[in-house]
């Protein structure tokens, strides 16, 4: 199981190259770090955190789809 891309079946079905797997794993690891930091900084402001989370998810999606 790869840390950033845990579903081996999906990776196999997508027929990703090692370079693509590395890039995607990096994007997902980065997003995971940003989300963790967001949770720690939100301090109960759920609406603000929700908007920032949407931005992180959208940016990550765009990066992954660019691979």
PDB file of N, CA and C in Angstrom:
ATOM      1  N   UNK A   1       0.834  -1.180   0.000  1.00  0.00           N
ATOM      2  CA  UNK A   1       0.000   0.000   0.000  1.00  0.00           C
ATOM      3  C   UNK A   1       0.881   1.246   0.000  1.00  0.00           C
ATOM      4  N   UNK A   2       0.627   2.165  -0.924  1.00  0.00           N
ATOM      5  CA  UNK A   2       1.383   3.406  -1.006  1.00  0.00           C
ATOM      6  C   UNK A   2       0.740   4.440  -0.088  1.00  0.00           C
ATOM      7  N   UNK A   3       1.533   5.208   0.643  1.00  0.00           N
ATOM      8  CA  UNK A   3       1.008   6.134   1.643  1.00  0.00           C
ATOM      9  C   UNK A   3      -0.011   7.113   1.087  1.00  0.00           C
ATOM     10  N   UNK A   4       0.294   7.776   0.000  1.00  0.00           N
ATOM     11  CA  UNK A   4      -0.597   8.797  -0.516  1.00  0.00           C
ATOM     12  C   UNK A   4      -1.674   8.259  -1.432  1.00  0.00           C
ATOM     13  N   UNK A   5      -1.520   7.090  -1.942  1.00  0.00           N
ATOM     14  CA  UNK A   5      -2.461   6.512  -2.896  1.00  0.00           C
ATOM     15  C   UNK A   5      -2.701   5.064  -2.480  1.00  0.00           C
ATOM     16  N   UNK A   6      -3.533   4.871  -1.456  1.00  0.00           N
ATOM     17  CA  UNK A   6      -3.630   3.563  -0.826  1.00  0.00           C
ATOM     18  C   UNK A   6      -4.310   2.476  -1.637  1.00  0.00           C
ATOM     19  N   UNK A   7      -5.075   2.819  -2.658  1.00  0.00           N
ATOM     20  CA  UNK A   7      -5.818   1.798  -3.375  1.00  0.00           C
ATOM     21  C   UNK A   7      -5.010   1.262  -4.553  1.00  0.00           C
ATOM     22  N   UNK A   8      -4.350   0.152  -4.334  1.00  0.00           N
ATOM     23  CA  UNK A   8      -3.503  -0.463  -5.358  1.00  0.00           C
ATOM     24  C   UNK A   8      -4.321  -0.858  -6.588  1.00  0.00           C
ATOM     25  N   UNK A   9      -5.561  -1.269  -6.375  1.00  0.00           N
ATOM     26  CA  UNK A   9      -6.417  -1.670  -7.492  1.00  0.00           C
ATOM     27  C   UNK A   9      -6.669  -0.478  -8.420  1.00  0.00           C
ATOM     28  N   UNK A  10      -6.933   0.671  -7.833  1.00  0.00           N
ATOM     29  CA  UNK A  10      -7.171   1.871  -8.642  1.00  0.00           C
ATOM     30  C   UNK A  10      -5.913   2.225  -9.427  1.00  0.00           C
ATOM     31  N   UNK A  11      -4.766   2.181  -8.768  1.00  0.00           N
ATOM     32  CA  UNK A  11      -3.517   2.493  -9.463  1.00  0.00           C
ATOM     33  C   UNK A  11      -3.298   1.546 -10.639  1.00  0.00           C
ATOM     34  N   UNK A  12      -3.579   0.274 -10.421  1.00  0.00           N
ATOM     35  CA  UNK A  12      -3.392  -0.708 -11.489  1.00  0.00           C
ATOM     36  C   UNK A  12      -4.357  -0.449 -12.644  1.00  0.00           C
ATOM     37  N   UNK A  13      -5.606  -0.137 -12.320  1.00  0.00           N
ATOM     38  CA  UNK A  13      -6.607   0.110 -13.356  1.00  0.00           C
ATOM     39  C   UNK A  13      -6.302   1.375 -14.151  1.00  0.00           C
ATOM     40  N   UNK A  14      -5.701   2.356 -13.501  1.00  0.00           N
ATOM     41  CA  UNK A  14      -5.346   3.596 -14.185  1.00  0.00           C
ATOM     42  C   UNK A  14      -4.072   3.439 -15.009  1.00  0.00           C
ATOM     43  N   UNK A  15      -3.330   2.357 -14.741  1.00  0.00           N
ATOM     44  CA  UNK A  15      -2.095   2.085 -15.466  1.00  0.00           C
ATOM     45  C   UNK A  15      -1.121   3.269 -15.374  1.00  0.00           C
ATOM     46  N   UNK A  16      -0.924   3.750 -14.158  1.00  0.00           N
ATOM     47  CA  UNK A  16      -0.050   4.899 -13.925  1.00  0.00           C
ATOM     48  C   UNK A  16       1.419   4.498 -14.011  1.00  0.00           C
ATOM     49  N   UNK A  17       2.231   5.401 -14.520  1.00  0.00           N
ATOM     50  CA  UNK A  17       3.673   5.174 -14.514  1.00  0.00           C
ATOM     51  C   UNK A  17       4.188   5.441 -13.104  1.00  0.00           C
ATOM     52  N   UNK A  18       5.410   5.010 -12.834  1.00  0.00           N
ATOM     53  CA  UNK A  18       6.009   5.275 -11.523  1.00  0.00           C
ATOM     54  C   UNK A  18       6.113   6.771 -11.273  1.00  0.00           C
ATOM     55  N   UNK A  19       6.450   7.540 -12.310  1.00  0.00           N
ATOM     56  CA  UNK A  19       6.539   8.988 -12.178  1.00  0.00           C
ATOM     57  C   UNK A  19       5.180   9.588 -11.816  1.00  0.00           C
ATOM     58  N   UNK A  20       4.128   9.130 -12.456  1.00  0.00           N
ATOM     59  CA  UNK A  20       2.792   9.633 -12.155  1.00  0.00           C
ATOM     60  C   UNK A  20       2.392   9.277 -10.725  1.00  0.00           C
ATOM     61  N   UNK A  21       2.688   8.056 -10.306  1.00  0.00           N
ATOM     62  CA  UNK A  21       2.379   7.635  -8.936  1.00  0.00           C
ATOM     63  C   UNK A  21       3.105   8.518  -7.930  1.00  0.00           C
ATOM     64  N   UNK A  22       4.374   8.811  -8.209  1.00  0.00           N
ATOM     65  CA  UNK A  22       5.165   9.651  -7.310  1.00  0.00           C
ATOM     66  C   UNK A  22       4.577  11.050  -7.217  1.00  0.00           C
ATOM     67  N   UNK A  23       4.233  11.629  -8.366  1.00  0.00           N
ATOM     68  CA  UNK A  23       3.653  12.974  -8.371  1.00  0.00           C
ATOM     69  C   UNK A  23       2.330  13.013  -7.621  1.00  0.00           C
ATOM     70  N   UNK A  24       1.458  12.071  -7.902  1.00  0.00           N
ATOM     71  CA  UNK A  24       0.143  12.044  -7.260  1.00  0.00           C
ATOM     72  C   UNK A  24       0.279  11.830  -5.763  1.00  0.00           C
ATOM     73  N   UNK A  25       1.156  10.922  -5.376  1.00  0.00           N
ATOM     74  CA  UNK A  25       1.387  10.687  -3.947  1.00  0.00           C
ATOM     75  C   UNK A  25       1.864  11.962  -3.268  1.00  0.00           C
ATOM     76  N   UNK A  26       2.753  12.709  -3.927  1.00  0.00           N
ATOM     77  CA  UNK A  26       3.229  13.975  -3.367  1.00  0.00           C
ATOM     78  C   UNK A  26       2.108  14.989  -3.214  1.00  0.00           C
ATOM     79  N   UNK A  27       1.242  15.089  -4.228  1.00  0.00           N
ATOM     80  CA  UNK A  27       0.105  16.019  -4.150  1.00  0.00           C
ATOM     81  C   UNK A  27      -0.818  15.651  -2.998  1.00  0.00           C
ATOM     82  N   UNK A  28      -1.103  14.362  -2.846  1.00  0.00           N
ATOM     83  CA  UNK A  28      -2.005  13.923  -1.789  1.00  0.00           C
ATOM     84  C   UNK A  28      -1.382  14.091  -0.404  1.00  0.00           C
ATOM     85  N   UNK A  29      -0.093  13.821  -0.291  1.00  0.00           N
ATOM     86  CA  UNK A  29       0.597  14.033   0.986  1.00  0.00           C
ATOM     87  C   UNK A  29       0.578  15.510   1.370  1.00  0.00           C
ATOM     88  N   UNK A  30       0.808  16.382   0.379  1.00  0.00           N
ATOM     89  CA  UNK A  30       0.779  17.822   0.612  1.00  0.00           C
ATOM     90  C   UNK A  30      -0.614  18.264   1.068  1.00  0.00           C
ATOM     91  N   UNK A  31      -1.647  17.751   0.405  1.00  0.00           N
ATOM     92  CA  UNK A  31      -3.022  18.098   0.782  1.00  0.00           C
ATOM     93  C   UNK A  31      -3.319  17.624   2.198  1.00  0.00           C
ATOM     94  N   UNK A  32      -2.868  16.424   2.536  1.00  0.00           N
ATOM     95  CA  UNK A  32      -3.090  15.882   3.872  1.00  0.00           C
ATOM     96  C   UNK A  32      -2.441  16.773   4.932  1.00  0.00           C
ATOM     97  N   UNK A  33      -1.241  17.263   4.645  1.00  0.00           N
ATOM     98  CA  UNK A  33      -0.544  18.157   5.570  1.00  0.00           C
ATOM     99  C   UNK A  33      -1.305  19.473   5.721  1.00  0.00           C
ATOM    100  N   UNK A  34      -1.756  20.047   4.601  1.00  0.00           N
ATOM    101  CA  UNK A  34      -2.510  21.300   4.643  1.00  0.00           C
ATOM    102  C   UNK A  34      -3.811  21.144   5.424  1.00  0.00           C
ATOM    103  N   UNK A  35      -4.486  20.015   5.246  1.00  0.00           N
ATOM    104  CA  UNK A  35      -5.738  19.771   5.965  1.00  0.00           C
ATOM    105  C   UNK A  35      -5.487  19.636   7.460  1.00  0.00           C
ATOM    106  N   UNK A  36      -4.417  18.964   7.814  1.00  0.00           N
ATOM    107  CA  UNK A  36      -4.072  18.826   9.237  1.00  0.00           C
ATOM    108  C   UNK A  36      -3.800  20.196   9.846  1.00  0.00           C
ATOM    109  N   UNK A  37      -3.034  21.020   9.141  1.00  0.00           N
ATOM    110  CA  UNK A  37      -2.735  22.367   9.625  1.00  0.00           C
ATOM    111  C   UNK A  37      -4.007  23.200   9.715  1.00  0.00           C
ATOM    112  N   UNK A  38      -4.902  23.035   8.756  1.00  0.00           N
ATOM    113  CA  UNK A  38      -6.168  23.762   8.755  1.00  0.00           C
ATOM    114  C   UNK A  38      -6.993  23.401   9.983  1.00  0.00           C
ATOM    115  N   UNK A  39      -7.084  22.125  10.273  1.00  0.00           N
ATOM    116  CA  UNK A  39      -7.838  21.684  11.458  1.00  0.00           C
ATOM    117  C   UNK A  39      -7.274  22.287  12.734  1.00  0.00           C
ATOM    118  N   UNK A  40      -5.957  22.315  12.832  1.00  0.00           N
ATOM    119  CA  UNK A  40      -5.314  22.858  14.033  1.00  0.00           C
ATOM    120  C   UNK A  40      -5.533  24.363  14.144  1.00  0.00           C
ATOM    121  N   UNK A  41      -5.566  25.058  13.011  1.00  0.00           N
ATOM    122  CA  UNK A  41      -5.700  26.508  13.022  1.00  0.00           C
ATOM    123  C   UNK A  41      -7.159  26.980  13.088  1.00  0.00           C
ATOM    124  N   UNK A  42      -8.103  26.123  12.728  1.00  0.00           N
ATOM    125  CA  UNK A  42      -9.509  26.525  12.636  1.00  0.00           C
ATOM    126  C   UNK A  42     -10.097  26.935  13.982  1.00  0.00           C
ATOM    127  N   UNK A  43      -9.735  26.267  15.012  1.00  0.00           N
ATOM    128  CA  UNK A  43     -10.194  26.570  16.368  1.00  0.00           C
ATOM    129  C   UNK A  43     -11.695  26.838  16.429  1.00  0.00           C
ATOM    130  N   UNK A  44     -12.466  25.943  15.842  1.00  0.00           N
ATOM    131  CA  UNK A  44     -13.914  26.025  15.943  1.00  0.00           C
ATOM    132  C   UNK A  44     -14.605  26.840  14.859  1.00  0.00           C
ATOM    133  N   UNK A  45     -13.879  27.534  14.028  1.00  0.00           N
ATOM    134  CA  UNK A  45     -14.494  28.314  12.948  1.00  0.00           C
ATOM    135  C   UNK A  45     -14.751  27.378  11.768  1.00  0.00           C
ATOM    136  N   UNK A  46     -15.838  26.645  11.858  1.00  0.00           N
ATOM    137  CA  UNK A  46     -16.137  25.602  10.881  1.00  0.00           C
ATOM    138  C   UNK A  46     -16.394  26.152   9.487  1.00  0.00           C
ATOM    139  N   UNK A  47     -17.063  27.275   9.381  1.00  0.00           N
ATOM    140  CA  UNK A  47     -17.368  27.840   8.063  1.00  0.00           C
ATOM    141  C   UNK A  47     -16.096  28.248   7.324  1.00  0.00           C
ATOM    142  N   UNK A  48     -15.210  28.906   8.020  1.00  0.00           N
ATOM    143  CA  UNK A  48     -13.946  29.325   7.402  1.00  0.00           C
ATOM    144  C   UNK A  48     -13.136  28.089   7.002  1.00  0.00           C
ATOM    145  N   UNK A  49     -13.094  27.115   7.896  1.00  0.00           N
ATOM    146  CA  UNK A  49     -12.353  25.886   7.611  1.00  0.00           C
ATOM    147  C   UNK A  49     -12.972  25.160   6.416  1.00  0.00           C
ATOM    148  N   UNK A  50     -14.288  25.159   6.331  1.00  0.00           N
ATOM    149  CA  UNK A  50     -14.976  24.484   5.234  1.00  0.00           C
ATOM    150  C   UNK A  50     -14.599  25.108   3.888  1.00  0.00           C
ATOM    151  N   UNK A  51     -14.559  26.424   3.825  1.00  0.00           N
ATOM    152  CA  UNK A  51     -14.189  27.107   2.592  1.00  0.00           C
ATOM    153  C   UNK A  51     -12.738  26.826   2.212  1.00  0.00           C
ATOM    154  N   UNK A  52     -11.860  26.859   3.193  1.00  0.00           N
ATOM    155  CA  UNK A  52     -10.449  26.585   2.924  1.00  0.00           C
ATOM    156  C   UNK A  52     -10.257  25.129   2.501  1.00  0.00           C
ATOM    157  N   UNK A  53     -11.016  24.231   3.090  1.00  0.00           N
ATOM    158  CA  UNK A  53     -10.934  22.817   2.720  1.00  0.00           C
ATOM    159  C   UNK A  53     -11.362  22.628   1.266  1.00  0.00           C
ATOM    160  N   UNK A  54     -12.424  23.307   0.868  1.00  0.00           N
ATOM    161  CA  UNK A  54     -12.874  23.219  -0.518  1.00  0.00           C
ATOM    162  C   UNK A  54     -11.771  23.672  -1.473  1.00  0.00           C
ATOM    163  N   UNK A  55     -11.055  24.729  -1.087  1.00  0.00           N
ATOM    164  CA  UNK A  55      -9.960  25.229  -1.918  1.00  0.00           C
ATOM    165  C   UNK A  55      -8.841  24.201  -2.017  1.00  0.00           C
ATOM    166  N   UNK A  56      -8.471  23.602  -0.899  1.00  0.00           N
ATOM    167  CA  UNK A  56      -7.408  22.592  -0.886  1.00  0.00           C
ATOM    168  C   UNK A  56      -7.795  21.409  -1.770  1.00  0.00           C
ATOM    169  N   UNK A  57      -9.027  20.954  -1.643  1.00  0.00           N
ATOM    170  CA  UNK A  57      -9.491  19.816  -2.425  1.00  0.00           C
ATOM    171  C   UNK A  57      -9.481  20.154  -3.919  1.00  0.00           C
ATOM    172  N   UNK A  58      -9.967  21.334  -4.277  1.00  0.00           N
ATOM    173  CA  UNK A  58     -10.004  21.733  -5.685  1.00  0.00           C
ATOM    174  C   UNK A  58      -8.592  21.843  -6.265  1.00  0.00           C
ATOM    175  N   UNK A  59      -7.692  22.472  -5.529  1.00  0.00           N
ATOM    176  CA  UNK A  59      -6.312  22.607  -6.001  1.00  0.00           C
ATOM    177  C   UNK A  59      -5.661  21.240  -6.195  1.00  0.00           C
ATOM    178  N   UNK A  60      -5.893  20.343  -5.251  1.00  0.00           N
ATOM    179  CA  UNK A  60      -5.314  19.005  -5.334  1.00  0.00           C
ATOM    180  C   UNK A  60      -5.897  18.246  -6.523  1.00  0.00           C
ATOM    181  N   UNK A  61      -7.207  18.349  -6.702  1.00  0.00           N
ATOM    182  CA  UNK A  61      -7.857  17.692  -7.842  1.00  0.00           C
ATOM    183  C   UNK A  61      -7.256  18.173  -9.159  1.00  0.00           C
ATOM    184  N   UNK A  62      -7.062  19.482  -9.302  1.00  0.00           N
ATOM    185  CA  UNK A  62      -6.494  20.037 -10.518  1.00  0.00           C
ATOM    186  C   UNK A  62      -5.077  19.527 -10.760  1.00  0.00           C
ATOM    187  N   UNK A  63      -4.290  19.446  -9.702  1.00  0.00           N
ATOM    188  CA  UNK A  63      -2.918  18.940  -9.832  1.00  0.00           C
ATOM    189  C   UNK A  63      -2.910  17.487 -10.288  1.00  0.00           C
ATOM    190  N   UNK A  64      -3.758  16.671  -9.653  1.00  0.00           N
ATOM    191  CA  UNK A  64      -3.814  15.244  -9.975  1.00  0.00           C
ATOM    192  C   UNK A  64      -4.282  15.055 -11.413  1.00  0.00           C
ATOM    193  N   UNK A  65      -5.304  15.775 -11.804  1.00  0.00           N
ATOM    194  CA  UNK A  65      -5.819  15.636 -13.171  1.00  0.00           C
ATOM    195  C   UNK A  65      -4.811  16.131 -14.213  1.00  0.00           C
ATOM    196  N   UNK A  66      -3.879  16.984 -13.795  1.00  0.00           N
ATOM    197  CA  UNK A  66      -2.846  17.479 -14.694  1.00  0.00           C
ATOM    198  C   UNK A  66      -1.752  16.470 -14.969  1.00  0.00           C
ATOM    199  N   UNK A  67      -1.728  15.405 -14.182  1.00  0.00           N
ATOM    200  CA  UNK A  67      -0.723  14.358 -14.360  1.00  0.00           C
ATOM    201  C   UNK A  67      -1.224  13.456 -15.436  1.00  0.00           C
TER     202      UNK A  67
END
